[in-house]
Amino acid sequence: MDERITVEICMGTTCYVMGGAQLAGIADRLPEEWKDRIAVKGMRCSGACQQGDRVGRAPFVRVGGKLIAEADEGKVLAAIREALAH
Protein backbone atom coordinates (compact mmCIF):
# COMPACT_ATOMS: atom_id res chain seq x y z
CA MET A 1 0.00 0.00 0.00
CA ASP A 2 1.19 3.50 -0.78
CA GLU A 3 2.10 5.89 2.01
CA ARG A 4 -0.83 7.88 3.37
CA ILE A 5 -1.15 11.54 2.44
CA THR A 6 -1.41 13.74 5.50
CA VAL A 7 -3.91 16.62 5.53
CA GLU A 8 -3.14 19.00 8.40
CA ILE A 9 -5.78 21.58 9.26
CA CYS A 10 -4.58 24.58 11.24
CA MET A 11 -6.60 24.93 14.43
CA GLY A 12 -5.03 28.19 15.57
CA THR A 13 -7.62 30.78 16.58
CA THR A 14 -7.61 32.76 13.33
CA CYS A 15 -7.74 29.69 11.09
CA TYR A 16 -10.38 28.05 13.27
CA VAL A 17 -12.64 31.10 13.09
CA MET A 18 -12.01 31.70 9.37
CA GLY A 19 -13.07 28.20 8.31
CA GLY A 20 -10.78 25.63 9.88
CA ALA A 21 -13.60 24.46 12.14
CA GLN A 22 -15.70 23.49 9.10
CA LEU A 23 -12.72 21.82 7.41
CA ALA A 24 -12.08 19.65 10.47
CA GLY A 25 -14.84 17.26 9.37
CA ILE A 26 -13.52 16.81 5.84
CA ALA A 27 -12.41 13.23 6.56
CA ASP A 28 -16.08 12.22 6.75
CA ARG A 29 -16.75 13.77 3.34
CA LEU A 30 -13.87 12.22 1.41
CA PRO A 31 -14.73 9.88 -1.44
CA GLU A 32 -14.79 6.29 -0.16
CA GLU A 33 -11.87 5.26 -2.40
CA TRP A 34 -9.63 7.91 -0.80
CA LYS A 35 -10.34 7.21 2.85
CA ASP A 36 -7.67 4.55 3.36
CA ARG A 37 -5.02 6.74 1.67
CA ILE A 38 -5.62 10.01 3.54
CA ALA A 39 -4.85 10.91 7.17
CA VAL A 40 -6.62 14.07 8.35
CA LYS A 41 -5.49 15.74 11.55
CA GLY A 42 -5.54 19.09 13.25
CA MET A 43 -2.36 20.99 13.94
CA ARG A 44 -1.48 23.81 16.26
CA CYS A 45 -1.09 27.23 14.74
CA SER A 46 1.00 26.85 11.60
CA GLY A 47 2.36 30.39 11.99
CA ALA A 48 1.68 31.04 8.30
CA CYS A 49 -0.67 33.92 9.10
CA GLN A 50 2.22 35.74 10.77
CA GLN A 51 4.04 35.91 7.43
CA GLY A 52 1.56 38.46 6.10
CA ASP A 53 0.49 38.51 2.48
CA ARG A 54 3.55 36.53 1.37
CA VAL A 55 1.71 33.25 1.86
CA GLY A 56 -1.93 34.33 1.82
CA ARG A 57 -4.68 34.40 4.40
CA ALA A 58 -6.32 32.02 6.83
CA PRO A 59 -7.45 29.33 7.03
CA PHE A 60 -4.34 27.32 6.24
CA VAL A 61 -4.15 23.61 5.46
CA ARG A 62 -1.17 21.46 4.50
CA VAL A 63 -1.73 18.58 2.10
CA GLY A 64 1.31 16.34 1.85
CA GLY A 65 3.41 19.24 3.16
CA LYS A 66 2.10 21.75 0.60
CA LEU A 67 0.60 24.85 2.23
CA ILE A 68 -2.82 26.01 1.03
CA ALA A 69 -3.94 29.53 1.93
CA GLU A 70 -7.59 30.60 2.11
CA ALA A 71 -8.37 26.90 2.21
CA ASP A 72 -11.84 25.68 1.52
CA GLU A 73 -13.13 22.20 0.85
CA GLY A 74 -12.74 22.56 -2.92
CA LYS A 75 -9.09 23.64 -2.69
CA VAL A 76 -8.27 20.89 -0.21
CA LEU A 77 -9.93 18.19 -2.33
CA ALA A 78 -8.11 19.45 -5.44
CA ALA A 79 -4.77 19.30 -3.58
CA ILE A 80 -5.54 15.77 -2.37
CA ARG A 81 -6.47 14.72 -5.92
CA GLU A 82 -3.16 16.14 -7.19
CA ALA A 83 -1.16 14.42 -4.42
CA LEU A 84 -2.84 11.09 -5.15
CA ALA A 85 -1.93 11.41 -8.84
CA HIS A 86 1.79 11.58 -8.04
C-alpha atoms as a PDB file:
ATOM      1  CA  MET A   1       0.000   0.000   0.000  1.00  0.00           C
ATOM      2  CA  ASP A   2       1.191   3.501  -0.783  1.00  0.00           C
ATOM      3  CA  GLU A   3       2.103   5.885   2.006  1.00  0.00           C
ATOM      4  CA  ARG A   4      -0.832   7.877   3.374  1.00  0.00           C
ATOM      5  CA  ILE A   5      -1.151  11.541   2.443  1.00  0.00           C
ATOM      6  CA  THR A   6      -1.414  13.745   5.500  1.00  0.00           C
ATOM      7  CA  VAL A   7      -3.909  16.617   5.531  1.00  0.00           C
ATOM      8  CA  GLU A   8      -3.140  18.997   8.399  1.00  0.00           C
ATOM      9  CA  ILE A   9      -5.779  21.582   9.256  1.00  0.00           C
ATOM     10  CA  CYS A  10      -4.578  24.582  11.238  1.00  0.00           C
ATOM     11  CA  MET A  11      -6.595  24.931  14.433  1.00  0.00           C
ATOM     12  CA  GLY A  12      -5.032  28.189  15.572  1.00  0.00           C
ATOM     13  CA  THR A  13      -7.620  30.783  16.579  1.00  0.00           C
ATOM     14  CA  THR A  14      -7.608  32.762  13.328  1.00  0.00           C
ATOM     15  CA  CYS A  15      -7.743  29.694  11.087  1.00  0.00           C
ATOM     16  CA  TYR A  16     -10.377  28.048  13.266  1.00  0.00           C
ATOM     17  CA  VAL A  17     -12.645  31.099  13.087  1.00  0.00           C
ATOM     18  CA  MET A  18     -12.010  31.704   9.370  1.00  0.00           C
ATOM     19  CA  GLY A  19     -13.073  28.196   8.306  1.00  0.00           C
ATOM     20  CA  GLY A  20     -10.779  25.630   9.877  1.00  0.00           C
ATOM     21  CA  ALA A  21     -13.600  24.456  12.137  1.00  0.00           C
ATOM     22  CA  GLN A  22     -15.699  23.492   9.103  1.00  0.00           C
ATOM     23  CA  LEU A  23     -12.724  21.817   7.415  1.00  0.00           C
ATOM     24  CA  ALA A  24     -12.083  19.653  10.473  1.00  0.00           C
ATOM     25  CA  GLY A  25     -14.843  17.260   9.368  1.00  0.00           C
ATOM     26  CA  ILE A  26     -13.521  16.811   5.840  1.00  0.00           C
ATOM     27  CA  ALA A  27     -12.415  13.229   6.562  1.00  0.00           C
ATOM     28  CA  ASP A  28     -16.076  12.219   6.749  1.00  0.00           C
ATOM     29  CA  ARG A  29     -16.748  13.772   3.342  1.00  0.00           C
ATOM     30  CA  LEU A  30     -13.866  12.220   1.408  1.00  0.00           C
ATOM     31  CA  PRO A  31     -14.734   9.875  -1.445  1.00  0.00           C
ATOM     32  CA  GLU A  32     -14.786   6.290  -0.160  1.00  0.00           C
ATOM     33  CA  GLU A  33     -11.869   5.260  -2.400  1.00  0.00           C
ATOM     34  CA  TRP A  34      -9.631   7.912  -0.803  1.00  0.00           C
ATOM     35  CA  LYS A  35     -10.345   7.214   2.855  1.00  0.00           C
ATOM     36  CA  ASP A  36      -7.669   4.551   3.364  1.00  0.00           C
ATOM     37  CA  ARG A  37      -5.025   6.744   1.674  1.00  0.00           C
ATOM     38  CA  ILE A  38      -5.624  10.012   3.542  1.00  0.00           C
ATOM     39  CA  ALA A  39      -4.852  10.906   7.171  1.00  0.00           C
ATOM     40  CA  VAL A  40      -6.623  14.067   8.354  1.00  0.00           C
ATOM     41  CA  LYS A  41      -5.493  15.738  11.551  1.00  0.00           C
ATOM     42  CA  GLY A  42      -5.545  19.090  13.248  1.00  0.00           C
ATOM     43  CA  MET A  43      -2.358  20.995  13.942  1.00  0.00           C
ATOM     44  CA  ARG A  44      -1.480  23.812  16.265  1.00  0.00           C
ATOM     45  CA  CYS A  45      -1.089  27.234  14.737  1.00  0.00           C
ATOM     46  CA  SER A  46       1.003  26.849  11.602  1.00  0.00           C
ATOM     47  CA  GLY A  47       2.361  30.390  11.986  1.00  0.00           C
ATOM     48  CA  ALA A  48       1.679  31.038   8.301  1.00  0.00           C
ATOM     49  CA  CYS A  49      -0.672  33.924   9.103  1.00  0.00           C
ATOM     50  CA  GLN A  50       2.222  35.741  10.767  1.00  0.00           C
ATOM     51  CA  GLN A  51       4.036  35.914   7.432  1.00  0.00           C
ATOM     52  CA  GLY A  52       1.565  38.455   6.096  1.00  0.00           C
ATOM     53  CA  ASP A  53       0.489  38.505   2.483  1.00  0.00           C
ATOM     54  CA  ARG A  54       3.554  36.535   1.365  1.00  0.00           C
ATOM     55  CA  VAL A  55       1.709  33.250   1.859  1.00  0.00           C
ATOM     56  CA  GLY A  56      -1.926  34.330   1.817  1.00  0.00           C
ATOM     57  CA  ARG A  57      -4.675  34.399   4.399  1.00  0.00           C
ATOM     58  CA  ALA A  58      -6.323  32.018   6.827  1.00  0.00           C
ATOM     59  CA  PRO A  59      -7.451  29.333   7.035  1.00  0.00           C
ATOM     60  CA  PHE A  60      -4.343  27.315   6.238  1.00  0.00           C
ATOM     61  CA  VAL A  61      -4.146  23.615   5.457  1.00  0.00           C
ATOM     62  CA  ARG A  62      -1.172  21.457   4.498  1.00  0.00           C
ATOM     63  CA  VAL A  63      -1.726  18.581   2.097  1.00  0.00           C
ATOM     64  CA  GLY A  64       1.312  16.345   1.845  1.00  0.00           C
ATOM     65  CA  GLY A  65       3.411  19.242   3.164  1.00  0.00           C
ATOM     66  CA  LYS A  66       2.096  21.750   0.602  1.00  0.00           C
ATOM     67  CA  LEU A  67       0.597  24.851   2.229  1.00  0.00           C
ATOM     68  CA  ILE A  68      -2.818  26.005   1.030  1.00  0.00           C
ATOM     69  CA  ALA A  69      -3.943  29.527   1.934  1.00  0.00           C
ATOM     70  CA  GLU A  70      -7.587  30.602   2.107  1.00  0.00           C
ATOM     71  CA  ALA A  71      -8.367  26.903   2.210  1.00  0.00           C
ATOM     72  CA  ASP A  72     -11.841  25.681   1.520  1.00  0.00           C
ATOM     73  CA  GLU A  73     -13.133  22.203   0.847  1.00  0.00           C
ATOM     74  CA  GLY A  74     -12.740  22.562  -2.921  1.00  0.00           C
ATOM     75  CA  LYS A  75      -9.092  23.642  -2.690  1.00  0.00           C
ATOM     76  CA  VAL A  76      -8.273  20.886  -0.215  1.00  0.00           C
ATOM     77  CA  LEU A  77      -9.935  18.185  -2.326  1.00  0.00           C
ATOM     78  CA  ALA A  78      -8.111  19.448  -5.435  1.00  0.00           C
ATOM     79  CA  ALA A  79      -4.772  19.303  -3.578  1.00  0.00           C
ATOM     80  CA  ILE A  80      -5.545  15.771  -2.369  1.00  0.00           C
ATOM     81  CA  ARG A  81      -6.467  14.716  -5.915  1.00  0.00           C
ATOM     82  CA  GLU A  82      -3.156  16.144  -7.186  1.00  0.00           C
ATOM     83  CA  ALA A  83      -1.161  14.421  -4.424  1.00  0.00           C
ATOM     84  CA  LEU A  84      -2.838  11.085  -5.151  1.00  0.00           C
ATOM     85  CA  ALA A  85      -1.934  11.415  -8.838  1.00  0.00           C
ATOM     86  CA  HIS A  86       1.794  11.575  -8.036  1.00  0.00           C
END
